[in-house]
C-alpha atoms as a PDB file:
ATOM      1  CA  MET A   1     -15.396  -8.548  -8.193  1.00  0.00           C
ATOM      2  CA  ASN A   2     -14.484 -11.940  -9.532  1.00  0.00           C
ATOM      3  CA  PRO A   3     -15.381 -14.766  -7.191  1.00  0.00           C
ATOM      4  CA  THR A   4     -12.808 -17.286  -6.087  1.00  0.00           C
ATOM      5  CA  ARG A   5     -13.118 -20.461  -4.062  1.00  0.00           C
ATOM      6  CA  ASN A   6     -11.718 -20.524  -0.549  1.00  0.00           C
ATOM      7  CA  ARG A   7     -10.259 -23.633   1.066  1.00  0.00           C
ATOM      8  CA  CYS A   8     -13.696 -24.826   2.164  1.00  0.00           C
ATOM      9  CA  GLY A   9     -14.983 -24.615  -1.414  1.00  0.00           C
ATOM     10  CA  SER A  10     -17.387 -21.716  -0.826  1.00  0.00           C
ATOM     11  CA  ARG A  11     -17.254 -18.748  -3.155  1.00  0.00           C
ATOM     12  CA  ARG A  12     -16.066 -15.363  -1.979  1.00  0.00           C
ATOM     13  CA  PRO A  13     -15.195 -12.250  -3.942  1.00  0.00           C
ATOM     14  CA  LEU A  14     -11.640 -11.664  -5.089  1.00  0.00           C
ATOM     15  CA  MET A  15      -9.993  -8.924  -2.999  1.00  0.00           C
ATOM     16  CA  LYS A  16      -8.080  -6.276  -4.928  1.00  0.00           C
ATOM     17  CA  PHE A  17      -5.446  -4.218  -3.136  1.00  0.00           C
ATOM     18  CA  LEU A  18      -3.589  -1.236  -4.557  1.00  0.00           C
ATOM     19  CA  CYS A  19       0.037  -1.154  -3.368  1.00  0.00           C
ATOM     20  CA  VAL A  20       2.013   2.068  -3.262  1.00  0.00           C
ATOM     21  CA  ALA A  21       5.736   2.359  -2.566  1.00  0.00           C
ATOM     22  CA  GLY A  22       6.592   5.735  -1.075  1.00  0.00           C
ATOM     23  CA  SER A  23      10.113   5.632  -2.496  1.00  0.00           C
ATOM     24  CA  LEU A  24      11.061   6.615  -6.027  1.00  0.00           C
ATOM     25  CA  ARG A  25      14.476   4.925  -5.883  1.00  0.00           C
ATOM     26  CA  ALA A  26      15.213   2.353  -8.559  1.00  0.00           C
ATOM     27  CA  ALA A  27      16.638   0.094  -5.837  1.00  0.00           C
ATOM     28  CA  SER A  28      13.798   0.656  -3.380  1.00  0.00           C
ATOM     29  CA  THR A  29      13.507  -1.747  -0.465  1.00  0.00           C
ATOM     30  CA  ASN A  30       9.850  -0.768  -0.147  1.00  0.00           C
ATOM     31  CA  ARG A  31       9.116  -1.626  -3.769  1.00  0.00           C
ATOM     32  CA  ALA A  32      11.007  -4.928  -3.360  1.00  0.00           C
ATOM     33  CA  LEU A  33       8.848  -5.736  -0.335  1.00  0.00           C
ATOM     34  CA  LEU A  34       5.648  -4.979  -2.274  1.00  0.00           C
ATOM     35  CA  HIS A  35       6.770  -7.169  -5.185  1.00  0.00           C
ATOM     36  CA  ALA A  36       7.491 -10.019  -2.767  1.00  0.00           C
ATOM     37  CA  MET A  37       4.058  -9.521  -1.273  1.00  0.00           C
ATOM     38  CA  THR A  38       2.418  -9.813  -4.704  1.00  0.00           C
ATOM     39  CA  ASP A  39       4.265 -13.108  -5.179  1.00  0.00           C
ATOM     40  CA  ASN A  40       3.134 -14.367  -1.751  1.00  0.00           C
ATOM     41  CA  ALA A  41      -0.440 -13.130  -1.596  1.00  0.00           C
ATOM     42  CA  PRO A  42      -2.915 -15.776  -0.516  1.00  0.00           C
ATOM     43  CA  GLN A  43      -5.356 -17.173  -3.030  1.00  0.00           C
ATOM     44  CA  GLY A  44      -8.205 -14.745  -3.582  1.00  0.00           C
ATOM     45  CA  ILE A  45      -6.091 -11.616  -3.162  1.00  0.00           C
ATOM     46  CA  ASP A  46      -4.876  -9.630  -6.156  1.00  0.00           C
ATOM     47  CA  LEU A  47      -2.250  -6.937  -5.627  1.00  0.00           C
ATOM     48  CA  ALA A  48      -1.456  -4.204  -8.138  1.00  0.00           C
ATOM     49  CA  ILE A  49       1.575  -1.981  -7.616  1.00  0.00           C
ATOM     50  CA  TYR A  50       1.104   1.681  -8.491  1.00  0.00           C
ATOM     51  CA  ASP A  51       4.168   2.865 -10.412  1.00  0.00           C
ATOM     52  CA  ASP A  52       3.381   6.462 -11.406  1.00  0.00           C
ATOM     53  CA  LEU A  53       4.138   8.165  -8.094  1.00  0.00           C
ATOM     54  CA  GLY A  54       7.131  10.043  -9.508  1.00  0.00           C
ATOM     55  CA  VAL A  55       5.280  11.495 -12.486  1.00  0.00           C
ATOM     56  CA  LEU A  56       2.212  12.822 -10.693  1.00  0.00           C
ATOM     57  CA  PRO A  57       1.974  16.598 -10.959  1.00  0.00           C
ATOM     58  CA  ILE A  58       2.277  18.502  -7.702  1.00  0.00           C
ATOM     59  CA  PHE A  59      -1.129  18.789  -6.077  1.00  0.00           C
ATOM     60  CA  ASN A  60      -2.963  22.010  -6.789  1.00  0.00           C
ATOM     61  CA  PRO A  61      -6.604  22.344  -5.681  1.00  0.00           C
ATOM     62  CA  ASP A  62      -7.197  24.570  -8.734  1.00  0.00           C
ATOM     63  CA  ASP A  63      -6.574  21.502 -10.914  1.00  0.00           C
ATOM     64  CA  GLU A  64      -9.278  19.341  -9.354  1.00  0.00           C
ATOM     65  CA  GLY A  65     -12.617  18.552 -10.966  1.00  0.00           C
ATOM     66  CA  GLU A  66     -12.794  19.154 -14.706  1.00  0.00           C
ATOM     67  CA  ARG A  67      -9.124  20.163 -14.768  1.00  0.00           C
ATOM     68  CA  THR A  68      -7.837  16.993 -13.075  1.00  0.00           C
ATOM     69  CA  PRO A  69      -4.917  15.619 -15.110  1.00  0.00           C
ATOM     70  CA  GLY A  70      -5.505  12.185 -16.654  1.00  0.00           C
ATOM     71  CA  ILE A  71      -2.681  10.567 -14.700  1.00  0.00           C
ATOM     72  CA  VAL A  72      -4.293  11.759 -11.471  1.00  0.00           C
ATOM     73  CA  THR A  73      -7.706  10.490 -12.591  1.00  0.00           C
ATOM     74  CA  ARG A  74      -6.153   7.046 -13.113  1.00  0.00           C
ATOM     75  CA  LEU A  75      -4.744   7.118  -9.557  1.00  0.00           C
ATOM     76  CA  ILE A  76      -8.121   8.156  -8.151  1.00  0.00           C
ATOM     77  CA  ASP A  77      -9.933   5.447 -10.135  1.00  0.00           C
ATOM     78  CA  ALA A  78      -7.414   2.805  -9.009  1.00  0.00           C
ATOM     79  CA  ALA A  79      -7.880   3.828  -5.378  1.00  0.00           C
ATOM     80  CA  ILE A  80     -11.664   3.836  -5.655  1.00  0.00           C
ATOM     81  CA  SER A  81     -11.819   0.424  -7.326  1.00  0.00           C
ATOM     82  CA  ALA A  82      -9.414  -1.194  -4.844  1.00  0.00           C
ATOM     83  CA  ASP A  83     -10.798  -2.979  -1.800  1.00  0.00           C
ATOM     84  CA  GLY A  84      -7.835  -1.698   0.206  1.00  0.00           C
ATOM     85  CA  ILE A  85      -4.585   0.226  -0.024  1.00  0.00           C
ATOM     86  CA  VAL A  86      -1.193  -1.126   1.049  1.00  0.00           C
ATOM     87  CA  ILE A  87       1.554   1.456   1.577  1.00  0.00           C
ATOM     88  CA  ALA A  88       5.268   0.717   2.011  1.00  0.00           C
ATOM     89  CA  CYS A  89       6.929   3.991   2.857  1.00  0.00           C
ATOM     90  CA  PRO A  90      10.426   5.042   3.858  1.00  0.00           C
ATOM     91  CA  GLU A  91      11.231   7.856   6.243  1.00  0.00           C
ATOM     92  CA  TYR A  92      13.002  10.976   5.014  1.00  0.00           C
ATOM     93  CA  ALA A  93      14.216  13.475   7.636  1.00  0.00           C
ATOM     94  CA  HIS A  94      11.762  12.075  10.222  1.00  0.00           C
ATOM     95  CA  GLY A  95       8.849  12.539   7.822  1.00  0.00           C
ATOM     96  CA  VAL A  96       6.786  11.157   4.975  1.00  0.00           C
ATOM     97  CA  PRO A  97       8.422  11.502   1.529  1.00  0.00           C
ATOM     98  CA  GLY A  98       6.933  14.196  -0.682  1.00  0.00           C
ATOM     99  CA  GLY A  99       5.878  11.811  -3.450  1.00  0.00           C
ATOM    100  CA  ILE A 100       3.531   9.753  -1.272  1.00  0.00           C
ATOM    101  CA  LYS A 101       2.171  12.866   0.424  1.00  0.00           C
ATOM    102  CA  ASN A 102       1.498  14.391  -3.003  1.00  0.00           C
ATOM    103  CA  ALA A 103      -0.420  11.289  -4.129  1.00  0.00           C
ATOM    104  CA  LEU A 104      -2.491  11.338  -0.947  1.00  0.00           C
ATOM    105  CA  ASP A 105      -3.195  15.050  -1.419  1.00  0.00           C
ATOM    106  CA  TRP A 106      -4.753  14.235  -4.796  1.00  0.00           C
ATOM    107  CA  LEU A 107      -7.098  11.777  -3.035  1.00  0.00           C
ATOM    108  CA  VAL A 108      -8.073  14.039  -0.132  1.00  0.00           C
ATOM    109  CA  SER A 109     -11.138  15.817  -1.496  1.00  0.00           C
ATOM    110  CA  GLY A 110     -12.913  12.947  -3.237  1.00  0.00           C
ATOM    111  CA  PRO A 111     -14.476   9.634  -2.253  1.00  0.00           C
ATOM    112  CA  ALA A 112     -11.346   7.496  -2.777  1.00  0.00           C
ATOM    113  CA  ALA A 113     -10.173   7.670   0.840  1.00  0.00           C
ATOM    114  CA  VAL A 114     -13.423   7.721   2.776  1.00  0.00           C
ATOM    115  CA  GLY A 115     -13.706   4.451   4.665  1.00  0.00           C
ATOM    116  CA  LYS A 116     -11.098   2.797   2.413  1.00  0.00           C
ATOM    117  CA  PRO A 117      -9.082   0.199   4.359  1.00  0.00           C
ATOM    118  CA  ALA A 118      -5.367   0.971   4.425  1.00  0.00           C
ATOM    119  CA  MET A 119      -2.420  -1.004   5.754  1.00  0.00           C
ATOM    120  CA  LEU A 120       1.183   0.058   6.297  1.00  0.00           C
ATOM    121  CA  VAL A 121       4.060  -2.338   5.662  1.00  0.00           C
ATOM    122  CA  HIS A 122       7.726  -1.656   6.327  1.00  0.00           C
ATOM    123  CA  ALA A 123      11.106  -2.528   4.847  1.00  0.00           C
ATOM    124  CA  SER A 124      12.885  -0.787   7.716  1.00  0.00           C
ATOM    125  CA  SER A 125      12.621  -0.820  11.467  1.00  0.00           C
ATOM    126  CA  ARG A 126      13.811   2.797  11.563  1.00  0.00           C
ATOM    127  CA  SER A 127      10.782   4.518  10.028  1.00  0.00           C
ATOM    128  CA  LEU A 128       8.960   5.239  13.295  1.00  0.00           C
ATOM    129  CA  PHE A 129       8.397   8.979  12.723  1.00  0.00           C
ATOM    130  CA  ALA A 130       7.094   8.441   9.188  1.00  0.00           C
ATOM    131  CA  ARG A 131       4.809   5.636  10.359  1.00  0.00           C
ATOM    132  CA  GLU A 132       3.215   7.883  12.953  1.00  0.00           C
ATOM    133  CA  ALA A 133       2.892  10.792  10.520  1.00  0.00           C
ATOM    134  CA  LEU A 134       1.470   8.594   7.772  1.00  0.00           C
ATOM    135  CA  ARG A 135      -1.081   7.035  10.133  1.00  0.00           C
ATOM    136  CA  GLU A 136      -2.180  10.542  11.155  1.00  0.00           C
ATOM    137  CA  ILE A 137      -2.507  11.627   7.508  1.00  0.00           C
ATOM    138  CA  LEU A 138      -4.510   8.525   6.591  1.00  0.00           C
ATOM    139  CA  LYS A 139      -6.835   8.834   9.583  1.00  0.00           C
ATOM    140  CA  THR A 140      -7.371  12.548   8.904  1.00  0.00           C
ATOM    141  CA  MET A 141      -8.327  11.660   5.324  1.00  0.00           C
ATOM    142  CA  SER A 142     -10.900   9.151   6.681  1.00  0.00           C
ATOM    143  CA  PHE A 143      -9.089   5.996   5.599  1.00  0.00           C
ATOM    144  CA  ALA A 144      -9.957   2.988   7.768  1.00  0.00           C
ATOM    145  CA  VAL A 145      -6.418   2.326   8.999  1.00  0.00           C
ATOM    146  CA  PHE A 146      -5.647  -1.292   9.874  1.00  0.00           C
ATOM    147  CA  ASP A 147      -4.474  -1.358  13.463  1.00  0.00           C
ATOM    148  CA  GLY A 148      -3.457  -5.005  13.460  1.00  0.00           C
ATOM    149  CA  ALA A 149       0.090  -6.263  13.421  1.00  0.00           C
ATOM    150  CA  GLU A 150       2.028  -4.402  10.756  1.00  0.00           C
ATOM    151  CA  LEU A 151       4.283  -6.327   8.426  1.00  0.00           C
ATOM    152  CA  GLU A 152       7.949  -5.442   8.872  1.00  0.00           C
ATOM    153  CA  ILE A 153      10.741  -7.198   7.024  1.00  0.00           C
ATOM    154  CA  PRO A 154      13.916  -5.164   7.474  1.00  0.00           C
ATOM    155  CA  LEU A 155      15.830  -4.819   4.217  1.00  0.00           C
ATOM    156  CA  ILE A 156      17.560  -1.550   5.017  1.00  0.00           C
ATOM    157  CA  GLY A 157      21.341  -1.851   5.016  1.00  0.00           C
ATOM    158  CA  LYS A 158      21.198  -4.944   2.822  1.00  0.00           C
ATOM    159  CA  LYS A 159      22.334  -5.076  -0.779  1.00  0.00           C
ATOM    160  CA  PRO A 160      19.729  -5.589  -3.528  1.00  0.00           C
ATOM    161  CA  ASP A 161      21.160  -9.038  -4.292  1.00  0.00           C
ATOM    162  CA  GLU A 162      20.448 -10.037  -0.659  1.00  0.00           C
ATOM    163  CA  TRP A 163      16.802  -8.944  -0.712  1.00  0.00           C
ATOM    164  CA  ALA A 164      15.519 -11.906  -2.705  1.00  0.00           C
ATOM    165  CA  SER A 165      16.783 -14.489  -0.225  1.00  0.00           C
ATOM    166  CA  ILE A 166      15.502 -12.473   2.747  1.00  0.00           C
ATOM    167  CA  LEU A 167      12.071 -12.065   1.165  1.00  0.00           C
ATOM    168  CA  ALA A 168      11.965 -15.727   0.100  1.00  0.00           C
ATOM    169  CA  ASP A 169      12.708 -16.945   3.618  1.00  0.00           C
ATOM    170  CA  PRO A 170       9.850 -19.291   4.603  1.00  0.00           C
ATOM    171  CA  ALA A 171       9.296 -17.438   7.887  1.00  0.00           C
ATOM    172  CA  HIS A 172       8.944 -14.119   6.050  1.00  0.00           C
ATOM    173  CA  ARG A 173       6.618 -15.660   3.458  1.00  0.00           C
ATOM    174  CA  THR A 174       4.451 -16.978   6.290  1.00  0.00           C
ATOM    175  CA  ILE A 175       4.378 -13.553   7.944  1.00  0.00           C
ATOM    176  CA  MET A 176       3.300 -11.978   4.628  1.00  0.00           C
ATOM    177  CA  ARG A 177       0.430 -14.455   4.205  1.00  0.00           C
ATOM    178  CA  GLU A 178      -0.675 -14.096   7.838  1.00  0.00           C
ATOM    179  CA  THR A 179      -0.621 -10.310   7.596  1.00  0.00           C
ATOM    180  CA  PHE A 180      -2.710 -10.429   4.428  1.00  0.00           C
ATOM    181  CA  ALA A 181      -5.180 -12.808   6.029  1.00  0.00           C
ATOM    182  CA  ALA A 182      -5.596 -10.406   8.957  1.00  0.00           C
ATOM    183  CA  PHE A 183      -5.930  -7.406   6.628  1.00  0.00           C
ATOM    184  CA  GLU A 184      -8.422  -9.269   4.429  1.00  0.00           C
ATOM    185  CA  ALA A 185     -10.548 -10.021   7.505  1.00  0.00           C
ATOM    186  CA  PHE A 186     -10.332  -6.339   8.497  1.00  0.00           C
ATOM    187  CA  VAL A 187     -11.408  -5.251   4.981  1.00  0.00           C
ATOM    188  CA  ARG A 188     -14.376  -7.638   4.999  1.00  0.00           C
ATOM    189  CA  ARG A 189     -15.545  -6.178   8.331  1.00  0.00           C
ATOM    190  CA  GLN A 190     -15.607  -2.622   6.983  1.00  0.00           C
END
């Protein structure tokens, strides 16, 4: 980790979070939220958005180990090297979208998930079933799921040209920074 100076001048390691949007839509509210979060992350936090969700092969346990596809190996390596995972996920038919579930399935049998801090963020207030299901999946996989206040900035029902002003709202920017500060503290306690 690269050290960075905090406000008091002491050095602390740079936190690296891997962000995953559970939606494959070009005009994804979840992806827009993650991009806004990267722009508003506090000093000392680096966010990388994972963009290959839609091209991952469907999970097959026969393809693990020596047969693991390179694109999957890159996902696994990114998850392992991250200090935490941030997931913004929509709800499809009261469940978790197949793409995010597929990515998590590729992580299930290795060390990437074990004890890894994970936080859910939301671009909709209507994803309650998916939230519960995703929390259960993450906990079953041994992720350390952040149980603090989840970030929710409702973008659903808004047009893409409205998202920027909503996400740039000073109150929302403050909520993003406060949520990251709480998640960073959670990660450091793990």
